[in-house]
Protein backbone atom coordinates (compact mmCIF):
# COMPACT_ATOMS: atom_id res chain seq x y z
CA MET A 1 85.17 101.03 99.52
CA SER A 2 88.26 100.33 101.60
CA LYS A 3 88.38 98.32 104.79
CA GLN A 4 88.81 101.54 106.74
CA ASP A 5 85.37 102.68 105.57
CA LEU A 6 83.48 99.59 106.70
CA PRO A 7 81.28 99.74 109.82
CA GLN A 8 82.85 98.61 113.05
CA LYS A 9 81.60 97.20 116.36
CA ILE A 10 83.22 96.21 119.66
CA CYS A 11 82.88 92.62 120.78
CA PRO A 12 81.39 92.48 124.32
CA SER A 13 83.34 89.31 125.09
CA CYS A 14 86.93 90.13 124.05
CA HIS A 15 86.50 93.95 123.81
CA ARG A 16 88.21 94.05 120.43
CA PRO A 17 86.95 95.92 117.40
CA PHE A 18 85.69 93.95 114.43
CA ARG A 19 84.50 95.11 111.03
CA TRP A 20 81.62 94.33 108.75
CA ARG A 21 81.94 91.13 106.69
CA LYS A 22 80.08 90.14 103.57
CA LYS A 23 78.61 87.08 105.31
CA TRP A 24 76.96 89.47 107.81
CA GLN A 25 75.46 91.60 105.04
CA ARG A 26 71.84 90.74 105.88
CA CYS A 27 72.17 90.49 109.67
CA TRP A 28 74.74 93.14 110.64
CA ASN A 29 72.28 94.75 113.07
CA GLU A 30 71.97 91.47 114.99
CA VAL A 31 75.68 90.62 115.06
CA ARG A 32 77.14 91.14 118.54
CA PHE A 33 80.23 88.94 118.76
CA CYS A 34 83.29 88.83 116.53
CA SER A 35 83.49 85.04 116.40
CA LYS A 36 81.77 81.82 117.40
CA ARG A 37 84.40 81.39 120.08
CA CYS A 38 83.53 84.73 121.68
CA LYS A 39 79.85 83.90 121.52
CA ARG A 40 80.50 80.59 123.26
CA GLU A 41 82.83 82.02 125.92
CA ARG A 42 80.96 85.21 126.72
CA PRO A 43 81.17 86.44 130.33
């Protein structure tokens, strides 16, 4: 599977797309922000 084929979401804080990561394998449905920084600085 290439990176292009991985699921993608849009971060509500920075409005940038981010892709699935292995560390989010079990909680991808709950992931909303692309980084801890975005989570901390959300609008």
